């Protein structure tokens, strides 16, 4: 076997065959796959640009909401919750806001909010709207308990945390 590896004819034949096989693999499989990924990425970018354009066209005030409200230092849970509950049509008697706590390290503000009774659709619209409106706000805890009052009657308890810049 060692004599076979010492024969230069092996290298004159095997190396060009290996290089040719590699080039055929790249041309037949790798380049078309890379091209498909590139085309998909371009389509995704076009769709994202259209969505961003639609958001800017439909809700241009979202771009400068923080600047209009005076920066992130003026965030107030009572105003935020009041604004969104009006938007999703939750009566003011149906929600209660807990105390607001400040935590050390980063400037953070947290609040416990409960809404009772609420249906699932309204609750999901409330959560999505409040998180879309304030990008620095996150829902830390969400608990949903079924109320005996009806089929789609729930009590929702949430803890929101707002992190200042």
Protein backbone atom coordinates (compact mmCIF):
# COMPACT_ATOMS: atom_id res chain seq x y z
CA UNK A 1 0.00 0.00 0.00
CA UNK A 2 2.84 2.41 0.76
CA UNK A 3 4.23 1.91 -2.72
CA UNK A 4 0.91 2.97 -4.17
CA UNK A 5 1.10 6.35 -2.39
CA UNK A 6 4.62 6.90 -3.67
CA UNK A 7 3.49 6.57 -7.27
CA UNK A 8 3.20 10.11 -8.76
CA UNK A 9 0.52 8.95 -11.22
CA UNK A 10 -1.91 8.71 -8.28
CA UNK A 11 -1.48 12.41 -7.55
CA UNK A 12 -1.71 13.34 -11.23
CA UNK A 13 -5.11 11.64 -11.39
CA UNK A 14 -6.57 11.86 -7.85
CA UNK A 15 -5.94 15.55 -7.16
CA UNK A 16 -7.57 16.82 -10.39
CA UNK A 17 -10.53 14.43 -9.82
CA UNK A 18 -10.97 15.70 -6.23
CA UNK A 19 -10.73 19.35 -7.32
CA UNK A 20 -13.19 18.73 -10.18
CA UNK A 21 -15.62 17.01 -7.79
CA UNK A 22 -15.36 19.96 -5.41
CA UNK A 23 -16.00 22.49 -8.20
CA UNK A 24 -18.98 20.46 -9.47
CA UNK A 25 -20.40 20.31 -5.92
CA UNK A 26 -20.01 24.08 -5.51
CA UNK A 27 -21.59 24.82 -8.89
CA UNK A 28 -24.40 22.26 -8.58
CA UNK A 29 -25.39 22.66 -4.91
CA UNK A 30 -23.74 25.48 -2.98
CA UNK A 31 -24.20 28.37 -5.40
CA UNK A 32 -27.91 27.70 -6.10
CA UNK A 33 -28.59 27.35 -2.36
CA UNK A 34 -26.77 30.62 -1.67
CA UNK A 35 -28.70 32.28 -4.49
CA UNK A 36 -32.03 31.06 -3.05
CA UNK A 37 -31.08 32.37 0.40
CA UNK A 38 -30.09 35.72 -1.13
CA UNK A 39 -33.39 36.00 -3.04
CA UNK A 40 -35.38 35.12 0.09
CA UNK A 41 -33.47 37.73 2.10
CA UNK A 42 -34.17 40.35 -0.57
CA UNK A 43 -37.91 39.50 -0.51
CA UNK A 44 -37.94 39.68 3.29
CA UNK A 45 -36.25 43.09 3.15
CA UNK A 46 -38.82 44.37 0.65
CA UNK A 47 -41.69 43.15 2.84
CA UNK A 48 -40.11 44.73 5.93
CA UNK A 49 -39.67 48.06 4.13
CA UNK A 50 -43.32 47.96 3.05
CA UNK A 51 -44.44 47.22 6.62
CA UNK A 52 -42.31 50.03 8.01
CA UNK A 53 -43.69 52.40 5.38
CA UNK A 54 -47.24 51.36 6.31
CA UNK A 55 -46.55 51.91 10.00
CA UNK A 56 -45.10 55.35 9.31
CA UNK A 57 -48.04 56.20 7.05
CA UNK A 58 -50.75 54.92 9.41
CA UNK A 59 -49.24 55.99 12.75
CA UNK A 60 -46.53 58.64 12.22
CA UNK A 61 -46.76 59.86 15.81
CA UNK A 62 -45.26 56.55 17.00
CA UNK A 63 -41.86 57.63 15.68
CA UNK A 64 -41.58 60.64 17.93
CA UNK A 65 -43.74 59.52 20.84
CA UNK A 66 -40.93 59.68 23.40
CA UNK A 67 -39.76 63.08 22.20
CA UNK A 68 -43.32 64.41 22.25
CA UNK A 69 -43.87 63.14 25.79
CA UNK A 70 -40.59 64.64 26.98
CA UNK A 71 -38.32 61.59 26.93
CA UNK A 72 -38.38 58.39 28.89
CA UNK A 73 -38.03 60.16 32.24
CA UNK A 74 -41.69 61.23 32.24
CA UNK A 75 -43.18 57.73 31.90
CA UNK A 76 -46.19 57.30 34.15
CA UNK A 77 -48.08 54.02 34.49
CA UNK A 78 -51.40 55.62 35.29
CA UNK A 79 -51.34 57.69 32.09
CA UNK A 80 -50.07 54.77 30.00
CA UNK A 81 -52.69 52.34 31.25
CA UNK A 82 -55.46 54.93 31.01
CA UNK A 83 -54.53 55.70 27.39
CA UNK A 84 -54.46 52.06 26.31
CA UNK A 85 -57.60 51.05 28.22
CA UNK A 86 -59.47 53.82 26.39
CA UNK A 87 -58.02 52.59 23.11
CA UNK A 88 -59.13 48.96 23.63
CA UNK A 89 -62.39 50.00 25.35
CA UNK A 90 -61.84 48.59 28.83
CA UNK A 91 -64.03 50.51 31.30
CA UNK A 92 -62.00 52.38 33.90
CA UNK A 93 -63.89 50.59 36.69
CA UNK A 94 -62.55 47.25 35.44
CA UNK A 95 -58.85 47.86 36.10
CA UNK A 96 -56.80 48.62 39.18
CA UNK A 97 -53.23 49.79 39.24
CA UNK A 98 -51.00 48.75 42.08
CA UNK A 99 -48.26 50.76 43.65
CA UNK A 100 -45.28 51.80 41.57
CA UNK A 101 -41.91 50.62 42.84
CA UNK A 102 -38.46 51.88 41.91
CA UNK A 103 -35.57 49.44 41.88
CA UNK A 104 -31.88 50.19 42.16
CA UNK A 105 -29.07 49.66 39.68
CA UNK A 106 -30.79 50.57 36.46
CA UNK A 107 -33.53 53.10 36.66
CA UNK A 108 -36.61 50.91 36.60
CA UNK A 109 -40.21 51.40 37.48
CA UNK A 110 -42.60 48.51 37.99
CA UNK A 111 -46.32 48.36 38.52
CA UNK A 112 -48.87 45.64 39.18
CA UNK A 113 -52.05 45.97 37.16
CA UNK A 114 -55.15 43.82 37.34
CA UNK A 115 -58.12 43.85 35.01
CA UNK A 116 -61.32 42.15 36.02
CA UNK A 117 -63.52 41.03 34.21
CA UNK A 118 -62.00 40.97 30.74
CA UNK A 119 -62.27 38.70 27.73
CA UNK A 120 -59.20 37.15 26.12
CA UNK A 121 -59.40 39.18 22.92
CA UNK A 122 -59.52 42.51 24.76
CA UNK A 123 -56.73 41.44 27.09
CA UNK A 124 -54.46 40.45 24.20
CA UNK A 125 -55.17 43.76 22.43
CA UNK A 126 -54.38 45.64 25.66
CA UNK A 127 -51.05 43.86 26.16
CA UNK A 128 -49.97 44.15 22.53
CA UNK A 129 -50.91 47.85 22.35
CA UNK A 130 -49.16 48.84 25.56
CA UNK A 131 -46.00 46.94 24.61
CA UNK A 132 -46.03 48.41 21.09
CA UNK A 133 -46.53 51.95 22.35
CA UNK A 134 -43.65 51.86 24.86
CA UNK A 135 -40.69 49.78 23.59
CA UNK A 136 -38.85 50.02 26.94
CA UNK A 137 -41.79 48.42 28.74
CA UNK A 138 -41.88 44.68 29.33
CA UNK A 139 -44.47 42.39 30.83
CA UNK A 140 -42.66 40.52 33.58
CA UNK A 141 -45.55 38.43 34.87
CA UNK A 142 -48.99 37.61 33.52
CA UNK A 143 -51.54 35.49 35.31
CA UNK A 144 -55.01 34.77 33.97
CA UNK A 145 -57.72 33.25 36.18
CA UNK A 146 -61.16 32.20 34.95
CA UNK A 147 -64.07 33.89 36.68
CA UNK A 148 -67.26 31.93 37.35
CA UNK A 149 -69.33 34.76 35.86
CA UNK A 150 -69.26 33.58 32.26
CA UNK A 151 -67.70 31.66 29.43
CA UNK A 152 -65.17 34.32 28.43
CA UNK A 153 -64.75 36.18 31.70
CA UNK A 154 -61.25 36.36 33.15
CA UNK A 155 -59.23 38.14 35.79
CA UNK A 156 -55.80 39.18 34.53
CA UNK A 157 -52.93 40.23 36.80
CA UNK A 158 -49.83 41.69 35.19
CA UNK A 159 -46.55 43.13 36.33
CA UNK A 160 -44.96 45.62 33.97
CA UNK A 161 -41.38 46.87 34.23
CA UNK A 162 -40.25 50.05 32.51
CA UNK A 163 -36.49 50.51 32.10
CA UNK A 164 -35.28 54.08 31.65
CA UNK A 165 -32.49 54.87 29.22
